[in-house]
Amino acid sequence: VQLQASGGGLVQAGGSLRLSCEASERYAVGWFRQGPGNEREFVAHITWRGGNTYYANSVRGRFTISRVSRDNPRNTVYLQMDSLKPEDTAVYYCAADPEGDYYSATRYKYWGRGTLVTVSS
């Protein structure tokens, strides 16, 4: 399984970005992030069918995870990030196919390279 995250960049506080995660196969997908000097933390998760989504408390109401429908051959998962804050600055990673707890990075089998998001104050 190959994963590729993209869409990062530099944005001012209060702005928006949309990250994309292209996957070679359809799986449940999670987004994680790792800021400077911090451990990798859970951001959001979407199930295989897309019917259920979960968010970290720090991003709920500001971030939205979604995915293309199953009849779309592009297995893309999006993370729409609005009302960005400087503390959202991090490298964002997408991961696929968790076993068990979706909020635990160690549960995911596949990882893509990260994309850097920088939010200036």
C-alpha atoms as a PDB file:
ATOM      1  CA  VAL A   1       0.000   0.000   0.000  1.00  0.00           C
ATOM      2  CA  GLN A   2       1.360   3.394  -0.979  1.00  0.00           C
ATOM      3  CA  LEU A   3       0.247   6.623   0.643  1.00  0.00           C
ATOM      4  CA  GLN A   4       1.109  10.157  -0.394  1.00  0.00           C
ATOM      5  CA  ALA A   5       0.137  13.226   1.581  1.00  0.00           C
ATOM      6  CA  SER A   6       0.143  16.637  -0.063  1.00  0.00           C
ATOM      7  CA  GLY A   7      -1.276  20.123   0.275  1.00  0.00           C
ATOM      8  CA  GLY A   8       0.832  21.541   3.059  1.00  0.00           C
ATOM      9  CA  GLY A   9       2.197  25.057   3.003  1.00  0.00           C
ATOM     10  CA  LEU A  10       2.460  28.365   4.782  1.00  0.00           C
ATOM     11  CA  VAL A  11      -0.726  30.103   5.881  1.00  0.00           C
ATOM     12  CA  GLN A  12      -1.614  32.918   8.240  1.00  0.00           C
ATOM     13  CA  ALA A  13      -3.549  32.279  11.418  1.00  0.00           C
ATOM     14  CA  GLY A  14      -7.248  32.077  10.679  1.00  0.00           C
ATOM     15  CA  GLY A  15      -6.622  30.748   7.196  1.00  0.00           C
ATOM     16  CA  SER A  16      -7.406  27.400   5.606  1.00  0.00           C
ATOM     17  CA  LEU A  17      -5.619  24.547   3.899  1.00  0.00           C
ATOM     18  CA  ARG A  18      -6.791  21.257   2.442  1.00  0.00           C
ATOM     19  CA  LEU A  19      -4.545  18.239   2.698  1.00  0.00           C
ATOM     20  CA  SER A  20      -4.925  15.226   0.451  1.00  0.00           C
ATOM     21  CA  CYS A  21      -3.911  11.628   1.030  1.00  0.00           C
ATOM     22  CA  GLU A  22      -3.708   9.486  -2.081  1.00  0.00           C
ATOM     23  CA  ALA A  23      -3.769   5.766  -1.367  1.00  0.00           C
ATOM     24  CA  SER A  24      -3.174   2.872  -3.714  1.00  0.00           C
ATOM     25  CA  GLU A  25      -6.000   0.955  -2.003  1.00  0.00           C
ATOM     26  CA  ARG A  26      -9.067   1.826   0.018  1.00  0.00           C
ATOM     27  CA  TYR A  27      -8.624   1.554   3.790  1.00  0.00           C
ATOM     28  CA  ALA A  28      -9.687   3.332   6.908  1.00  0.00           C
ATOM     29  CA  VAL A  29      -7.370   6.337   7.163  1.00  0.00           C
ATOM     30  CA  GLY A  30      -6.084   8.496   9.946  1.00  0.00           C
ATOM     31  CA  TRP A  31      -4.306  11.832   9.965  1.00  0.00           C
ATOM     32  CA  PHE A  32      -1.600  12.480  12.516  1.00  0.00           C
ATOM     33  CA  ARG A  33       0.761  15.378  13.086  1.00  0.00           C
ATOM     34  CA  GLN A  34       4.074  15.989  14.736  1.00  0.00           C
ATOM     35  CA  GLY A  35       5.071  19.459  15.771  1.00  0.00           C
ATOM     36  CA  PRO A  36       8.576  20.617  16.718  1.00  0.00           C
ATOM     37  CA  GLY A  37       9.702  18.787  19.825  1.00  0.00           C
ATOM     38  CA  ASN A  38       6.394  16.951  20.140  1.00  0.00           C
ATOM     39  CA  GLU A  39       5.315  13.371  19.807  1.00  0.00           C
ATOM     40  CA  ARG A  40       3.142  12.314  16.894  1.00  0.00           C
ATOM     41  CA  GLU A  41      -0.481  12.945  17.794  1.00  0.00           C
ATOM     42  CA  PHE A  42      -3.832  11.873  16.436  1.00  0.00           C
ATOM     43  CA  VAL A  43      -5.785  14.431  14.420  1.00  0.00           C
ATOM     44  CA  ALA A  44      -8.681  12.690  12.655  1.00  0.00           C
ATOM     45  CA  HIS A  45      -9.886   9.322  11.349  1.00  0.00           C
ATOM     46  CA  ILE A  46     -12.363   8.165   8.759  1.00  0.00           C
ATOM     47  CA  THR A  47     -13.694   4.655   8.327  1.00  0.00           C
ATOM     48  CA  TRP A  48     -13.420   2.549   5.187  1.00  0.00           C
ATOM     49  CA  ARG A  49     -16.910   3.417   4.000  1.00  0.00           C
ATOM     50  CA  GLY A  50     -16.603   6.985   5.139  1.00  0.00           C
ATOM     51  CA  GLY A  51     -19.661   6.821   7.325  1.00  0.00           C
ATOM     52  CA  ASN A  52     -17.894   7.562  10.596  1.00  0.00           C
ATOM     53  CA  THR A  53     -15.374  10.237  11.453  1.00  0.00           C
ATOM     54  CA  TYR A  54     -13.460  10.995  14.629  1.00  0.00           C
ATOM     55  CA  TYR A  55     -11.445  14.017  15.718  1.00  0.00           C
ATOM     56  CA  ALA A  56      -9.007  15.088  18.358  1.00  0.00           C
ATOM     57  CA  ASN A  57     -10.509  17.618  20.746  1.00  0.00           C
ATOM     58  CA  SER A  58      -7.965  20.209  19.647  1.00  0.00           C
ATOM     59  CA  VAL A  59      -9.255  20.245  16.052  1.00  0.00           C
ATOM     60  CA  ARG A  60     -12.932  19.331  16.384  1.00  0.00           C
ATOM     61  CA  GLY A  61     -15.096  21.994  14.788  1.00  0.00           C
ATOM     62  CA  ARG A  62     -12.197  23.371  12.736  1.00  0.00           C
ATOM     63  CA  PHE A  63     -11.001  20.352  10.732  1.00  0.00           C
ATOM     64  CA  THR A  64     -13.070  18.078   8.528  1.00  0.00           C
ATOM     65  CA  ILE A  65     -11.992  14.685   7.223  1.00  0.00           C
ATOM     66  CA  SER A  66     -13.705  13.254   4.160  1.00  0.00           C
ATOM     67  CA  ARG A  67     -13.113  10.804   1.346  1.00  0.00           C
ATOM     68  CA  VAL A  68     -14.220  10.175  -2.210  1.00  0.00           C
ATOM     69  CA  SER A  69     -17.010   7.685  -2.793  1.00  0.00           C
ATOM     70  CA  ARG A  70     -16.255   3.999  -3.308  1.00  0.00           C
ATOM     71  CA  ASP A  71     -17.048   4.167  -7.025  1.00  0.00           C
ATOM     72  CA  ASN A  72     -14.237   6.644  -7.499  1.00  0.00           C
ATOM     73  CA  PRO A  73     -11.037   4.774  -8.352  1.00  0.00           C
ATOM     74  CA  ARG A  74      -8.954   7.469  -6.675  1.00  0.00           C
ATOM     75  CA  ASN A  75      -8.741   6.476  -3.045  1.00  0.00           C
ATOM     76  CA  THR A  76      -8.322  10.003  -1.762  1.00  0.00           C
ATOM     77  CA  VAL A  77      -8.910  11.203   1.772  1.00  0.00           C
ATOM     78  CA  TYR A  78      -9.015  14.928   2.502  1.00  0.00           C
ATOM     79  CA  LEU A  79      -8.380  16.951   5.605  1.00  0.00           C
ATOM     80  CA  GLN A  80      -9.953  20.386   5.360  1.00  0.00           C
ATOM     81  CA  MET A  81      -8.354  22.638   7.943  1.00  0.00           C
ATOM     82  CA  ASP A  82     -10.077  25.931   8.754  1.00  0.00           C
ATOM     83  CA  SER A  83      -9.450  28.591  11.395  1.00  0.00           C
ATOM     84  CA  LEU A  84      -5.836  27.502  11.600  1.00  0.00           C
ATOM     85  CA  LYS A  85      -3.788  28.441  14.624  1.00  0.00           C
ATOM     86  CA  PRO A  86      -0.019  28.690  15.088  1.00  0.00           C
ATOM     87  CA  GLU A  87      -0.180  25.618  17.309  1.00  0.00           C
ATOM     88  CA  ASP A  88      -1.405  23.628  14.297  1.00  0.00           C
ATOM     89  CA  THR A  89       2.080  23.973  12.817  1.00  0.00           C
ATOM     90  CA  ALA A  90       3.406  20.455  12.257  1.00  0.00           C
ATOM     91  CA  VAL A  91       4.273  17.805   9.739  1.00  0.00           C
ATOM     92  CA  TYR A  92       1.021  16.043   8.884  1.00  0.00           C
ATOM     93  CA  TYR A  93       0.954  12.357   8.030  1.00  0.00           C
ATOM     94  CA  CYS A  94      -1.733  10.070   6.727  1.00  0.00           C
ATOM     95  CA  ALA A  95      -1.815   6.438   7.745  1.00  0.00           C
ATOM     96  CA  ALA A  96      -3.973   3.490   6.739  1.00  0.00           C
ATOM     97  CA  ASP A  97      -5.457   0.224   7.961  1.00  0.00           C
ATOM     98  CA  PRO A  98      -5.439   0.453  11.729  1.00  0.00           C
ATOM     99  CA  GLU A  99      -5.954  -2.585  13.926  1.00  0.00           C
ATOM    100  CA  GLY A 100      -7.830  -1.595  17.037  1.00  0.00           C
ATOM    101  CA  ASP A 101      -7.661   1.922  18.411  1.00  0.00           C
ATOM    102  CA  TYR A 102      -7.877   4.409  15.535  1.00  0.00           C
ATOM    103  CA  TYR A 103      -6.315   7.196  17.651  1.00  0.00           C
ATOM    104  CA  SER A 104      -3.098   5.275  18.304  1.00  0.00           C
ATOM    105  CA  ALA A 105      -0.315   5.751  15.762  1.00  0.00           C
ATOM    106  CA  THR A 106       1.158   2.364  16.578  1.00  0.00           C
ATOM    107  CA  ARG A 107      -2.004   0.639  15.326  1.00  0.00           C
ATOM    108  CA  TYR A 108      -1.610   1.732  11.720  1.00  0.00           C
ATOM    109  CA  LYS A 109       0.083  -0.557   9.225  1.00  0.00           C
ATOM    110  CA  TYR A 110       0.918   1.895   6.469  1.00  0.00           C
ATOM    111  CA  TRP A 111       2.296   5.412   6.517  1.00  0.00           C
ATOM    112  CA  GLY A 112       2.992   8.026   3.913  1.00  0.00           C
ATOM    113  CA  ARG A 113       5.544  10.793   3.927  1.00  0.00           C
ATOM    114  CA  GLY A 114       4.403  13.876   5.721  1.00  0.00           C
ATOM    115  CA  THR A 115       3.507  17.298   4.441  1.00  0.00           C
ATOM    116  CA  LEU A 116       4.535  20.407   6.358  1.00  0.00           C
ATOM    117  CA  VAL A 117       1.927  22.888   7.532  1.00  0.00           C
ATOM    118  CA  THR A 118       3.172  26.180   8.919  1.00  0.00           C
ATOM    119  CA  VAL A 119       0.752  28.668  10.455  1.00  0.00           C
ATOM    120  CA  SER A 120       2.125  32.135  11.083  1.00  0.00           C
ATOM    121  CA  SER A 121       0.732  34.442  13.744  1.00  0.00           C
END
